[in-house]
């Protein structure tokens, strides 16, 4: 039976008179079936206003690592609300939260909390420039580090605008960005150590920011020796190495991609899954760098930084992220990933299914696993959108960019139901 989403469409249209487009993030525009309106979430499911119960692989764009509405997180939030919401001061719960992250994340000698990955990225850039006295922040094609004007460049550039692969040009991500905002920014292709070393040799780079595994676009593992080489090159040329673990943090393991790959950056960003859907982010890193917020004249602030209710959610989330939980969820994630790969192959659909246990990517039309953003440009996006829509009609909600996020709540029965839907959807579009 094919699901319908008529009431969602009606509510979006009606409320567009109050909310621009009926949505509060442009990343919710343009999905097949239209933007959906939900009533509640339960474990691996979302229940929408049309009465549909959808298996959810958006997982709040990666944030819902435990699934929707985990009881321990709900209770911790309720208890903290009874104590207080915002103090404009410190609380013991934020100290507990900070200690957990410093114990778990290899680079975290010190930290500062924020509310979003976009915010703490800006704090990292400010620290890098202050520490080095240099101007340029070097980023990579296809990597996303927030929606602010000075960094929203070359996140998903079209082939005809991006320039040659060996010398890409900065492409704005939005109308309204001014070229002056990119004056302190440069971009190169990821996973090519020679190009990174050559760019750093110019001596003007304050900081290098990257996803240690490329997950905003695709799900790409760093080439052997790439992260180690990037670290060595940054040290040689006096640049700060920054890992953006907003997606990879707590999805590639409880200590993030940096622990998985054995490379410790100078600074790291974490958000999304750190508090299972609550607005918590953190900039963590070397003590001498973070202490510049105190003794080095570098400003960092925010009304809602370390807001006690979100800190309570973060502590409860981290306590629930047990090694045993990761082990069992990872087994199910691998079974799902491999099952999708086999089904698509049997259906005669050319695709690459790549990535990790709790986050992977399905790329149609690729002959081999992508190594960088330019490889991902070869994906058949139109066919994948058809596939995603076919799944949605069967009660499985997946991101149209190809990313699948798996939570601790996606049990074996849910995986079985998903694979049945994948088989039917593949047959429909083949």
Protein backbone atom coordinates (compact mmCIF):
# COMPACT_ATOMS: atom_id res chain seq x y z
CA UNK A 1 0.00 0.00 0.00
CA UNK A 2 1.40 3.39 -1.04
CA UNK A 3 1.38 6.03 1.67
CA UNK A 4 0.04 9.54 1.10
CA UNK A 5 1.08 12.84 2.66
CA UNK A 6 -1.79 15.17 1.81
CA UNK A 7 -2.29 16.68 5.27
CA UNK A 8 1.41 17.53 5.54
CA UNK A 9 1.20 19.35 2.19
CA UNK A 10 -1.93 21.20 3.32
CA UNK A 11 -0.36 22.34 6.62
CA UNK A 12 2.86 23.45 4.92
CA UNK A 13 0.88 25.52 2.42
CA UNK A 14 -1.38 27.05 5.08
CA UNK A 15 1.45 27.99 7.41
CA UNK A 16 3.63 29.48 4.69
CA UNK A 17 1.71 32.68 5.46
CA UNK A 18 3.57 32.82 8.80
CA UNK A 19 6.78 30.86 8.18
CA UNK A 20 8.71 31.48 4.96
CA UNK A 21 8.07 28.43 2.82
CA UNK A 22 6.39 26.70 5.75
CA UNK A 23 9.79 25.43 6.95
CA UNK A 24 12.56 26.80 9.18
CA UNK A 25 15.60 25.39 7.39
CA UNK A 26 16.30 25.42 3.66
CA UNK A 27 17.72 21.93 4.02
CA UNK A 28 14.11 20.72 4.41
CA UNK A 29 13.06 22.04 0.99
CA UNK A 30 12.74 19.96 -2.16
CA UNK A 31 12.31 16.48 -0.69
CA UNK A 32 10.28 14.02 -2.74
CA UNK A 33 6.82 13.87 -1.22
CA UNK A 34 7.28 17.42 0.04
CA UNK A 35 8.29 18.65 3.52
CA UNK A 36 6.54 16.49 6.11
CA UNK A 37 4.87 17.50 9.37
CA UNK A 38 5.32 15.17 12.34
CA UNK A 39 3.39 14.63 15.55
CA UNK A 40 5.89 12.55 17.50
CA UNK A 41 8.86 10.21 17.36
CA UNK A 42 9.17 6.78 18.94
CA UNK A 43 12.42 4.82 18.80
CA UNK A 44 13.27 4.34 15.09
CA UNK A 45 9.92 5.74 13.95
CA UNK A 46 8.38 9.10 13.12
CA UNK A 47 4.61 9.48 13.12
CA UNK A 48 3.29 12.19 10.80
CA UNK A 49 0.04 14.15 10.63
CA UNK A 50 -1.30 11.85 7.91
CA UNK A 51 -1.16 8.90 10.31
CA UNK A 52 1.90 7.34 8.66
CA UNK A 53 4.46 5.51 10.79
CA UNK A 54 7.80 5.95 9.05
CA UNK A 55 11.07 4.15 9.73
CA UNK A 56 13.41 7.11 10.04
CA UNK A 57 16.93 7.14 8.60
CA UNK A 58 17.25 10.92 8.70
CA UNK A 59 17.69 10.55 12.48
CA UNK A 60 17.43 14.34 12.82
CA UNK A 61 20.16 14.77 10.15
CA UNK A 62 22.36 12.43 12.16
CA UNK A 63 21.65 13.76 15.65
CA UNK A 64 19.35 11.03 16.99
CA UNK A 65 21.98 8.41 17.76
CA UNK A 66 19.80 6.77 20.43
CA UNK A 67 16.60 7.06 18.40
CA UNK A 68 13.58 9.22 19.11
CA UNK A 69 12.43 9.96 22.66
CA UNK A 70 14.80 7.77 24.71
CA UNK A 71 13.39 7.52 28.23
CA UNK A 72 16.63 8.29 30.09
CA UNK A 73 17.21 11.51 28.15
CA UNK A 74 13.57 12.57 28.55
CA UNK A 75 13.74 12.05 32.31
CA UNK A 76 17.02 13.93 32.69
CA UNK A 77 15.53 16.90 30.82
CA UNK A 78 12.36 16.88 32.92
CA UNK A 79 14.39 16.77 36.13
CA UNK A 80 16.56 19.70 35.07
CA UNK A 81 13.57 21.80 33.98
CA UNK A 82 12.25 21.45 37.52
CA UNK A 83 15.56 22.79 38.86
CA UNK A 84 16.01 25.67 36.42
CA UNK A 85 16.28 26.52 32.74
CA UNK A 86 18.86 29.30 32.27
CA UNK A 87 21.06 30.89 34.93
CA UNK A 88 23.39 33.26 33.04
CA UNK A 89 26.00 31.51 35.14
CA UNK A 90 27.56 28.09 35.59
CA UNK A 91 25.98 24.83 36.71
CA UNK A 92 27.36 21.55 37.99
CA UNK A 93 25.71 19.65 35.13
CA UNK A 94 27.86 21.52 32.58
CA UNK A 95 30.99 20.57 34.53
CA UNK A 96 29.92 16.93 34.40
CA UNK A 97 29.25 17.23 30.67
CA UNK A 98 32.66 18.80 30.03
CA UNK A 99 34.47 16.10 31.99
CA UNK A 100 32.80 13.36 29.93
CA UNK A 101 33.90 14.88 26.63
CA UNK A 102 37.43 15.53 27.84
CA UNK A 103 37.70 11.90 28.91
CA UNK A 104 36.31 10.52 25.65
CA UNK A 105 37.66 12.69 22.84
CA UNK A 106 41.45 12.36 22.34
CA UNK A 107 41.98 16.03 21.37
CA UNK A 108 39.90 17.41 24.24
CA UNK A 109 42.31 18.87 26.79
CA UNK A 110 39.93 21.82 27.18
CA UNK A 111 36.58 22.77 25.68
CA UNK A 112 33.96 25.46 25.28
CA UNK A 113 30.28 24.70 24.68
CA UNK A 114 28.08 26.33 22.06
CA UNK A 115 24.68 25.65 20.53
CA UNK A 116 25.47 24.57 16.96
CA UNK A 117 28.27 23.29 14.79
CA UNK A 118 28.15 26.49 12.76
CA UNK A 119 28.89 28.56 15.88
CA UNK A 120 31.80 26.53 17.21
CA UNK A 121 33.37 26.45 13.74
CA UNK A 122 33.58 30.23 13.89
CA UNK A 123 35.24 30.02 17.30
CA UNK A 124 37.80 27.58 15.87
CA UNK A 125 38.66 29.92 13.00
CA UNK A 126 39.12 32.81 15.42
CA UNK A 127 41.44 30.76 17.62
CA UNK A 128 43.49 29.55 14.65
CA UNK A 129 44.05 33.08 13.39
CA UNK A 130 44.85 34.39 16.85
CA UNK A 131 47.31 31.59 17.57
CA UNK A 132 49.19 31.78 14.27
CA UNK A 133 48.90 35.41 13.24
CA UNK A 134 47.91 34.18 9.77
CA UNK A 135 44.72 34.77 7.82
CA UNK A 136 43.76 31.87 5.54
CA UNK A 137 41.41 29.07 6.55
CA UNK A 138 41.83 26.15 4.15
CA UNK A 139 38.79 23.95 3.50
CA UNK A 140 37.96 21.14 1.09
CA UNK A 141 35.42 20.67 -1.69
CA UNK A 142 32.22 19.03 -0.50
CA UNK A 143 32.95 19.57 3.21
CA UNK A 144 30.39 21.60 5.15
CA UNK A 145 31.24 23.64 8.24
CA UNK A 146 28.18 25.80 8.78
CA UNK A 147 25.98 28.24 6.94
CA UNK A 148 27.81 31.49 7.77
CA UNK A 149 29.04 33.67 4.92
CA UNK A 150 32.77 33.20 5.54
CA UNK A 151 32.66 29.38 5.26
CA UNK A 152 29.63 28.47 3.09
CA UNK A 153 31.76 28.03 -0.01
CA UNK A 154 32.27 25.00 -2.26
CA UNK A 155 30.06 22.76 -0.13
CA UNK A 156 28.23 21.33 -3.16
CA UNK A 157 29.46 23.19 -6.24
CA UNK A 158 28.28 22.22 -9.71
CA UNK A 159 30.89 20.76 -12.04
CA UNK A 160 30.66 23.71 -14.44
CA UNK A 161 31.30 26.23 -11.64
CA UNK A 162 33.95 24.47 -9.54
CA UNK A 163 36.93 24.97 -11.84
CA UNK A 164 39.57 22.35 -12.63
CA UNK A 165 40.05 19.57 -10.08
CA UNK A 166 43.67 20.53 -9.52
CA UNK A 167 42.84 24.19 -8.92
CA UNK A 168 39.23 24.53 -7.76
CA UNK A 169 37.62 27.93 -7.33
CA UNK A 170 35.53 29.06 -4.40
CA UNK A 171 31.82 28.77 -5.20
CA UNK A 172 29.30 30.50 -2.89
CA UNK A 173 26.57 28.36 -1.39
CA UNK A 174 23.92 31.09 -1.43
CA UNK A 175 22.74 34.17 -3.21
CA UNK A 176 23.64 37.16 -1.06
CA UNK A 177 27.16 36.11 -0.17
CA UNK A 178 29.82 38.71 -0.91
CA UNK A 179 33.19 37.73 -2.37
CA UNK A 180 34.85 39.75 0.39
CA UNK A 181 33.59 37.14 2.87
CA UNK A 182 35.87 34.58 1.22
CA UNK A 183 38.97 36.77 1.33
CA UNK A 184 40.35 34.70 4.21
CA UNK A 185 39.39 31.35 2.71
CA UNK A 186 40.84 28.90 0.19
CA UNK A 187 39.68 25.52 -1.12
CA UNK A 188 41.36 22.41 -2.50
CA UNK A 189 40.30 18.82 -3.19
CA UNK A 190 40.28 16.36 -0.26
CA UNK A 191 42.24 13.13 0.05
CA UNK A 192 45.22 14.39 -2.00
CA UNK A 193 48.15 14.86 0.36
CA UNK A 194 50.47 16.31 -2.27
CA UNK A 195 48.10 19.18 -3.02
CA UNK A 196 47.60 19.85 0.68
CA UNK A 197 51.34 19.96 1.34
CA UNK A 198 51.89 22.28 -1.63
CA UNK A 199 49.19 24.69 -0.45
CA UNK A 200 50.50 24.76 3.11
CA UNK A 201 54.02 25.45 1.85
CA UNK A 202 52.91 28.97 0.88
CA UNK A 203 53.01 29.75 4.59
CA UNK A 204 49.82 31.81 4.90
CA UNK A 205 47.41 29.21 6.29
CA UNK A 206 46.16 29.72 9.83
CA UNK A 207 43.99 26.63 9.99
CA UNK A 208 43.03 23.58 7.96
CA UNK A 209 39.48 22.34 8.56
CA UNK A 210 38.18 19.02 7.31
CA UNK A 211 35.79 16.22 8.06
CA UNK A 212 38.18 13.41 9.05
CA UNK A 213 35.86 11.12 7.09
CA UNK A 214 33.87 12.91 4.40
CA UNK A 215 30.21 12.49 5.39
CA UNK A 216 28.40 15.69 4.46
CA UNK A 217 28.71 14.50 0.87
CA UNK A 218 29.07 10.75 0.50
CA UNK A 219 30.70 8.61 3.19
CA UNK A 220 34.37 8.49 2.26
CA UNK A 221 37.21 7.05 4.30
CA UNK A 222 40.47 9.03 4.28
CA UNK A 223 43.18 7.52 2.09
CA UNK A 224 45.88 5.55 3.89
CA UNK A 225 48.28 8.00 5.52
CA UNK A 226 46.25 11.07 4.55
CA UNK A 227 45.27 12.24 8.03
CA UNK A 228 48.74 11.50 9.40
CA UNK A 229 50.27 13.43 6.52
CA UNK A 230 47.89 16.34 7.02
CA UNK A 231 48.85 16.51 10.68
CA UNK A 232 52.57 16.45 9.87
CA UNK A 233 52.21 19.10 7.16
CA UNK A 234 50.24 21.41 9.47
CA UNK A 235 52.90 21.10 12.14
CA UNK A 236 55.68 21.74 9.62
CA UNK A 237 54.07 24.90 8.26
CA UNK A 238 52.60 26.27 11.49
CA UNK A 239 48.91 25.71 10.73
CA UNK A 240 46.21 24.55 13.15
CA UNK A 241 44.57 21.24 12.18
CA UNK A 242 40.81 21.27 12.84
CA UNK A 243 38.60 18.19 12.58
CA UNK A 244 34.91 18.86 12.04
CA UNK A 245 33.31 15.90 13.82
CA UNK A 246 29.79 17.29 13.82
CA UNK A 247 28.69 14.21 11.86
CA UNK A 248 31.46 11.70 12.60
CA UNK A 249 31.59 12.37 16.33
CA UNK A 250 29.74 9.60 18.22
CA UNK A 251 28.77 7.92 14.93
CA UNK A 252 32.16 6.48 14.08
CA UNK A 253 32.57 5.48 17.71
CA UNK A 254 32.23 6.93 21.19
CA UNK A 255 35.50 8.84 20.77
CA UNK A 256 34.90 9.91 17.17
CA UNK A 257 36.80 9.52 13.93
CA UNK A 258 40.02 10.82 15.46
CA UNK A 259 40.19 7.82 17.78
CA UNK A 260 39.12 5.43 15.04
CA UNK A 261 41.85 6.63 12.67
CA UNK A 262 44.44 7.35 15.35
CA UNK A 263 45.12 11.01 14.48
CA UNK A 264 44.65 13.74 17.09
CA UNK A 265 44.01 17.24 15.68
CA UNK A 266 44.72 20.53 17.41
CA UNK A 267 41.03 21.44 17.57
CA UNK A 268 37.79 19.51 17.00
CA UNK A 269 34.12 20.39 16.59
CA UNK A 270 31.34 18.18 17.86
CA UNK A 271 27.55 18.59 17.80
CA UNK A 272 24.51 16.63 16.50
CA UNK A 273 24.71 13.19 18.18
CA UNK A 274 26.53 14.53 21.25
CA UNK A 275 23.16 15.25 22.94
CA UNK A 276 20.71 13.20 20.84
CA UNK A 277 18.84 16.08 19.25
CA UNK A 278 19.32 18.83 21.82
CA UNK A 279 21.20 21.97 20.66
CA UNK A 280 24.65 21.25 22.06
CA UNK A 281 27.97 21.79 20.32
CA UNK A 282 31.52 21.96 21.58
CA UNK A 283 34.89 23.21 20.44
CA UNK A 284 37.51 20.97 22.03
CA UNK A 285 41.26 20.88 21.69
CA UNK A 286 44.69 21.77 23.00
CA UNK A 287 44.71 23.51 26.35
CA UNK A 288 47.04 26.28 25.18
CA UNK A 289 44.65 27.14 22.35
CA UNK A 290 41.39 27.01 24.32
CA UNK A 291 42.97 29.01 27.14
CA UNK A 292 43.38 31.91 24.71
CA UNK A 293 39.70 32.56 25.38
CA UNK A 294 40.79 33.42 28.92
CA UNK A 295 44.30 34.85 28.65
CA UNK A 296 44.83 35.61 24.97
CA UNK A 297 42.21 38.26 24.32
CA UNK A 298 40.09 35.98 22.10
CA UNK A 299 36.34 36.48 22.57
CA UNK A 300 33.88 33.61 22.84
CA UNK A 301 30.36 34.04 24.17
CA UNK A 302 26.73 33.02 23.86
CA UNK A 303 23.57 33.38 25.92
CA UNK A 304 22.65 29.73 25.52
CA UNK A 305 26.13 28.18 25.80
CA UNK A 306 25.97 25.25 28.26
CA UNK A 307 22.27 25.86 28.90
CA UNK A 308 21.50 23.48 31.80
CA UNK A 309 18.62 21.59 30.18
CA UNK A 310 20.72 20.77 27.12
CA UNK A 311 23.63 19.80 29.35
CA UNK A 312 21.39 17.36 31.20
CA UNK A 313 20.38 15.87 27.85
CA UNK A 314 24.02 15.59 26.84
CA UNK A 315 25.07 13.81 30.03
CA UNK A 316 22.18 11.35 29.77
CA UNK A 317 22.98 10.70 26.10
CA UNK A 318 26.63 10.05 26.80
CA UNK A 319 25.79 7.65 29.62
CA UNK A 320 23.55 5.71 27.23
CA UNK A 321 26.29 5.47 24.57
CA UNK A 322 27.81 2.29 25.96
CA UNK A 323 30.35 0.06 24.21
CA UNK A 324 27.76 -2.73 24.23
CA UNK A 325 25.22 -0.44 22.59
CA UNK A 326 27.69 0.50 19.85
CA UNK A 327 28.57 -3.13 19.23
CA UNK A 328 25.00 -4.32 18.74
CA UNK A 329 23.85 -1.27 16.76
CA UNK A 330 26.92 -1.50 14.54
CA UNK A 331 26.16 -5.13 13.67
CA UNK A 332 22.67 -4.14 12.59
CA UNK A 333 23.99 -1.17 10.64
CA UNK A 334 26.43 -3.38 8.74
CA UNK A 335 23.67 -5.88 8.00
CA UNK A 336 21.51 -3.08 6.60
CA UNK A 337 24.36 -1.62 4.53
CA UNK A 338 25.36 -4.99 3.08
CA UNK A 339 21.75 -5.93 2.49
CA UNK A 340 21.11 -2.79 0.46
CA UNK A 341 24.25 -3.41 -1.59
CA UNK A 342 23.18 -6.97 -2.40
CA UNK A 343 19.60 -6.03 -3.26
CA UNK A 344 20.65 -3.25 -5.63
CA UNK A 345 23.13 -5.55 -7.33
CA UNK A 346 20.52 -8.28 -7.78
CA UNK A 347 18.12 -5.70 -9.24
CA UNK A 348 20.70 -4.67 -11.81
CA UNK A 349 21.12 -1.19 -10.36
CA UNK A 350 24.68 0.13 -10.49
CA UNK A 351 25.53 1.65 -7.10
CA UNK A 352 28.22 1.99 -4.49
CA UNK A 353 27.23 1.54 -0.84
CA UNK A 354 30.07 2.90 1.26
CA UNK A 355 30.77 4.22 4.71
CA UNK A 356 30.50 3.10 8.28
CA UNK A 357 28.35 1.11 10.67
CA UNK A 358 25.99 3.87 11.82
CA UNK A 359 26.33 6.18 8.83
CA UNK A 360 26.71 5.13 5.21
CA UNK A 361 25.98 6.43 1.72
CA UNK A 362 24.25 4.96 -1.32
CA UNK A 363 25.51 6.42 -4.59
CA UNK A 364 23.78 5.35 -7.79
CA UNK A 365 25.68 5.24 -11.08
CA UNK A 366 29.20 4.90 -9.62
CA UNK A 367 31.56 2.23 -10.93
CA UNK A 368 33.88 2.44 -7.91
CA UNK A 369 33.80 3.95 -4.42
CA UNK A 370 34.21 7.73 -4.47
CA UNK A 371 37.51 9.10 -3.18
CA UNK A 372 36.55 12.78 -3.15
CA UNK A 373 33.84 15.26 -4.08
CA UNK A 374 34.62 15.22 -7.80
CA UNK A 375 33.94 11.48 -7.86
CA UNK A 376 30.57 12.07 -6.17
CA UNK A 377 29.57 14.45 -8.96
CA UNK A 378 29.26 11.35 -11.16
CA UNK A 379 26.37 9.93 -9.10
CA UNK A 380 22.94 9.57 -10.70
CA UNK A 381 21.09 11.85 -8.30
CA UNK A 382 17.82 11.78 -10.24
CA UNK A 383 17.60 8.00 -10.01
CA UNK A 384 18.38 8.08 -6.29
CA UNK A 385 15.59 10.61 -5.71
CA UNK A 386 13.18 8.16 -7.39
CA UNK A 387 14.50 5.43 -5.10
CA UNK A 388 14.08 7.59 -1.99
CA UNK A 389 10.52 8.48 -3.00
CA UNK A 390 9.71 4.83 -3.66
CA UNK A 391 10.96 4.00 -0.16
CA UNK A 392 8.95 6.83 1.40
CA UNK A 393 5.75 5.48 -0.14
CA UNK A 394 6.58 2.19 1.60
CA UNK A 395 7.15 3.78 4.99
CA UNK A 396 10.95 4.26 4.96
CA UNK A 397 12.29 7.82 5.15
CA UNK A 398 15.80 8.39 3.78
CA UNK A 399 17.74 11.51 2.86
CA UNK A 400 17.79 12.24 -0.84
CA UNK A 401 21.50 13.04 -0.78
CA UNK A 402 22.18 9.34 -0.23
CA UNK A 403 23.10 9.37 3.48
CA UNK A 404 21.61 6.79 5.85
CA UNK A 405 21.84 7.30 9.62
CA UNK A 406 21.25 4.29 11.87
CA UNK A 407 20.37 4.63 15.56
CA UNK A 408 20.63 2.33 18.56
CA UNK A 409 16.82 1.91 18.26
CA UNK A 410 16.86 0.36 14.78
CA UNK A 411 16.42 -3.25 15.87
CA UNK A 412 16.55 -6.41 13.75
CA UNK A 413 12.84 -6.31 12.96
CA UNK A 414 13.17 -2.74 11.68
CA UNK A 415 16.17 -3.71 9.55
CA UNK A 416 14.20 -6.64 8.07
CA UNK A 417 11.24 -4.38 7.24
CA UNK A 418 13.59 -1.84 5.68
CA UNK A 419 15.28 -4.41 3.46
CA UNK A 420 11.89 -5.64 2.25
CA UNK A 421 11.02 -2.06 1.29
CA UNK A 422 14.40 -1.64 -0.42
CA UNK A 423 13.76 -4.74 -2.51
CA UNK A 424 10.34 -3.44 -3.60
CA UNK A 425 11.65 0.08 -4.30
CA UNK A 426 14.58 -1.27 -6.32
CA UNK A 427 12.20 -3.36 -8.41
CA UNK A 428 10.01 -0.29 -9.01
CA UNK A 429 12.81 1.92 -10.38
CA UNK A 430 14.96 -0.71 -12.13
